[in-house]
Amino acid sequence: MPPSSPSGGLVRSADEINQQIRALWPHPAVRLSTEQRARYERLVVEWAAAVRGEVVKAA
């Protein structure tokens, strides 16, 4: 069974989340809509948690 996050969802790798961030915001000059910005912020929080998890697992 794959690991899960505290919120009950599956844990994704930092790389996978980073790919979604890059797809959402393809160029710094592009302005995000309010909905896109909210999604970006959620992805960044998820990415940071994934990075922390990967560091802990590696230690």
N, C-alpha and C. Protein backbone atom coordinates (compact mmCIF):
# COMPACT_ATOMS: atom_id res chain seq x y z
N MET A 1 0.85 -1.18 0.00
CA MET A 1 0.00 0.00 0.00
C MET A 1 0.89 1.24 0.00
N PRO A 2 0.64 2.22 -0.91
CA PRO A 2 1.46 3.43 -0.96
C PRO A 2 1.28 4.26 0.31
N PRO A 3 2.31 5.02 0.68
CA PRO A 3 2.18 5.87 1.87
C PRO A 3 1.11 6.93 1.66
N SER A 4 0.54 7.39 2.76
CA SER A 4 -0.50 8.43 2.66
C SER A 4 -0.10 9.64 3.46
N SER A 5 -0.70 10.76 3.13
CA SER A 5 -0.44 12.01 3.83
C SER A 5 -1.33 12.09 5.06
N PRO A 6 -1.04 13.02 5.97
CA PRO A 6 -1.90 13.18 7.15
C PRO A 6 -3.35 13.48 6.80
N SER A 7 -3.57 14.09 5.65
CA SER A 7 -4.94 14.41 5.25
C SER A 7 -5.65 13.20 4.64
N GLY A 8 -4.93 12.07 4.52
CA GLY A 8 -5.55 10.86 4.02
C GLY A 8 -5.29 10.58 2.55
N GLY A 9 -4.71 11.53 1.83
CA GLY A 9 -4.42 11.32 0.41
C GLY A 9 -3.09 10.61 0.21
N LEU A 10 -2.85 10.17 -1.00
CA LEU A 10 -1.59 9.52 -1.31
C LEU A 10 -0.46 10.54 -1.34
N VAL A 11 0.71 10.14 -0.90
CA VAL A 11 1.87 11.01 -0.92
C VAL A 11 2.52 10.90 -2.29
N ARG A 12 2.75 12.05 -2.89
CA ARG A 12 3.41 12.08 -4.21
C ARG A 12 4.84 12.56 -4.02
N SER A 13 5.68 12.23 -4.98
CA SER A 13 7.08 12.65 -4.89
C SER A 13 7.19 14.15 -5.17
N ALA A 14 8.26 14.73 -4.65
CA ALA A 14 8.52 16.15 -4.89
C ALA A 14 8.67 16.42 -6.38
N ASP A 15 9.28 15.49 -7.10
CA ASP A 15 9.45 15.67 -8.55
C ASP A 15 8.10 15.72 -9.27
N GLU A 16 7.19 14.83 -8.88
CA GLU A 16 5.87 14.81 -9.52
C GLU A 16 5.12 16.12 -9.26
N ILE A 17 5.19 16.59 -8.03
CA ILE A 17 4.51 17.84 -7.68
C ILE A 17 5.16 19.01 -8.41
N ASN A 18 6.49 19.01 -8.48
CA ASN A 18 7.21 20.07 -9.19
C ASN A 18 6.79 20.12 -10.66
N GLN A 19 6.59 18.97 -11.28
CA GLN A 19 6.13 18.94 -12.67
C GLN A 19 4.77 19.60 -12.81
N GLN A 20 3.89 19.38 -11.83
CA GLN A 20 2.57 20.01 -11.87
C GLN A 20 2.68 21.52 -11.69
N ILE A 21 3.58 21.95 -10.82
CA ILE A 21 3.79 23.39 -10.63
C ILE A 21 4.27 24.02 -11.93
N ARG A 22 5.24 23.38 -12.56
CA ARG A 22 5.79 23.91 -13.82
C ARG A 22 4.74 23.95 -14.93
N ALA A 23 3.88 22.94 -14.98
CA ALA A 23 2.82 22.91 -15.99
C ALA A 23 1.78 24.00 -15.73
N LEU A 24 1.53 24.28 -14.47
CA LEU A 24 0.56 25.30 -14.11
C LEU A 24 1.07 26.70 -14.44
N TRP A 25 2.36 26.92 -14.24
CA TRP A 25 2.96 28.24 -14.41
C TRP A 25 4.14 28.13 -15.36
N PRO A 26 3.87 28.11 -16.68
CA PRO A 26 4.93 27.84 -17.65
C PRO A 26 5.97 28.95 -17.81
N HIS A 27 5.65 30.19 -17.42
CA HIS A 27 6.60 31.29 -17.59
C HIS A 27 6.34 32.34 -16.52
N PRO A 28 7.41 32.88 -15.91
CA PRO A 28 7.23 33.87 -14.84
C PRO A 28 6.45 35.11 -15.25
N ALA A 29 6.44 35.44 -16.53
CA ALA A 29 5.72 36.63 -16.99
C ALA A 29 4.20 36.38 -17.09
N VAL A 30 3.79 35.12 -17.02
CA VAL A 30 2.37 34.78 -17.11
C VAL A 30 1.73 35.00 -15.75
N ARG A 31 0.65 35.76 -15.74
CA ARG A 31 -0.08 35.99 -14.48
C ARG A 31 -1.08 34.87 -14.27
N LEU A 32 -1.13 34.37 -13.07
CA LEU A 32 -2.07 33.31 -12.74
C LEU A 32 -3.41 33.90 -12.32
N SER A 33 -4.48 33.17 -12.66
CA SER A 33 -5.80 33.57 -12.19
C SER A 33 -5.88 33.31 -10.69
N THR A 34 -6.91 33.78 -10.06
CA THR A 34 -7.10 33.56 -8.63
C THR A 34 -7.14 32.07 -8.32
N GLU A 35 -7.85 31.30 -9.14
CA GLU A 35 -7.95 29.86 -8.93
C GLU A 35 -6.60 29.18 -9.14
N GLN A 36 -5.87 29.61 -10.17
CA GLN A 36 -4.56 29.04 -10.44
C GLN A 36 -3.58 29.37 -9.30
N ARG A 37 -3.67 30.58 -8.79
CA ARG A 37 -2.79 30.99 -7.69
C ARG A 37 -3.05 30.14 -6.44
N ALA A 38 -4.33 29.88 -6.16
CA ALA A 38 -4.68 29.04 -5.01
C ALA A 38 -4.14 27.62 -5.21
N ARG A 39 -4.27 27.09 -6.42
CA ARG A 39 -3.73 25.75 -6.72
C ARG A 39 -2.21 25.75 -6.59
N TYR A 40 -1.56 26.78 -7.10
CA TYR A 40 -0.11 26.91 -6.99
C TYR A 40 0.32 26.89 -5.52
N GLU A 41 -0.37 27.65 -4.69
CA GLU A 41 -0.02 27.70 -3.27
C GLU A 41 -0.19 26.35 -2.60
N ARG A 42 -1.26 25.62 -2.93
CA ARG A 42 -1.45 24.28 -2.37
C ARG A 42 -0.35 23.33 -2.84
N LEU A 43 0.02 23.43 -4.11
CA LEU A 43 1.08 22.57 -4.64
C LEU A 43 2.42 22.86 -3.98
N VAL A 44 2.72 24.13 -3.73
CA VAL A 44 3.99 24.48 -3.09
C VAL A 44 4.05 23.92 -1.67
N VAL A 45 2.94 24.00 -0.94
CA VAL A 45 2.90 23.44 0.41
C VAL A 45 3.09 21.92 0.34
N GLU A 46 2.42 21.27 -0.60
CA GLU A 46 2.55 19.82 -0.77
C GLU A 46 3.98 19.45 -1.17
N TRP A 47 4.57 20.25 -2.07
CA TRP A 47 5.94 20.00 -2.51
C TRP A 47 6.92 20.10 -1.34
N ALA A 48 6.76 21.14 -0.51
CA ALA A 48 7.65 21.31 0.65
C ALA A 48 7.54 20.12 1.60
N ALA A 49 6.33 19.63 1.83
CA ALA A 49 6.15 18.48 2.70
C ALA A 49 6.79 17.24 2.09
N ALA A 50 6.67 17.08 0.78
CA ALA A 50 7.28 15.93 0.11
C ALA A 50 8.80 15.99 0.21
N VAL A 51 9.37 17.17 0.05
CA VAL A 51 10.82 17.33 0.15
C VAL A 51 11.27 16.97 1.56
N ARG A 52 10.56 17.47 2.56
CA ARG A 52 10.92 17.15 3.96
C ARG A 52 10.83 15.63 4.19
N GLY A 53 9.80 15.01 3.67
CA GLY A 53 9.64 13.57 3.81
C GLY A 53 10.75 12.79 3.15
N GLU A 54 11.18 13.25 1.98
CA GLU A 54 12.26 12.58 1.26
C GLU A 54 13.59 12.74 2.00
N VAL A 55 13.81 13.89 2.61
CA VAL A 55 15.04 14.12 3.36
C VAL A 55 15.06 13.23 4.60
N VAL A 56 13.95 13.16 5.30
CA VAL A 56 13.86 12.32 6.50
C VAL A 56 14.09 10.86 6.13
N LYS A 57 13.44 10.40 5.03
CA LYS A 57 13.58 9.02 4.61
C LYS A 57 15.03 8.71 4.24
N ALA A 58 15.72 9.67 3.63
CA ALA A 58 17.12 9.46 3.23
C ALA A 58 18.05 9.42 4.43
N ALA A 59 17.68 10.07 5.50
CA ALA A 59 18.53 10.13 6.69
C ALA A 59 18.48 8.85 7.43
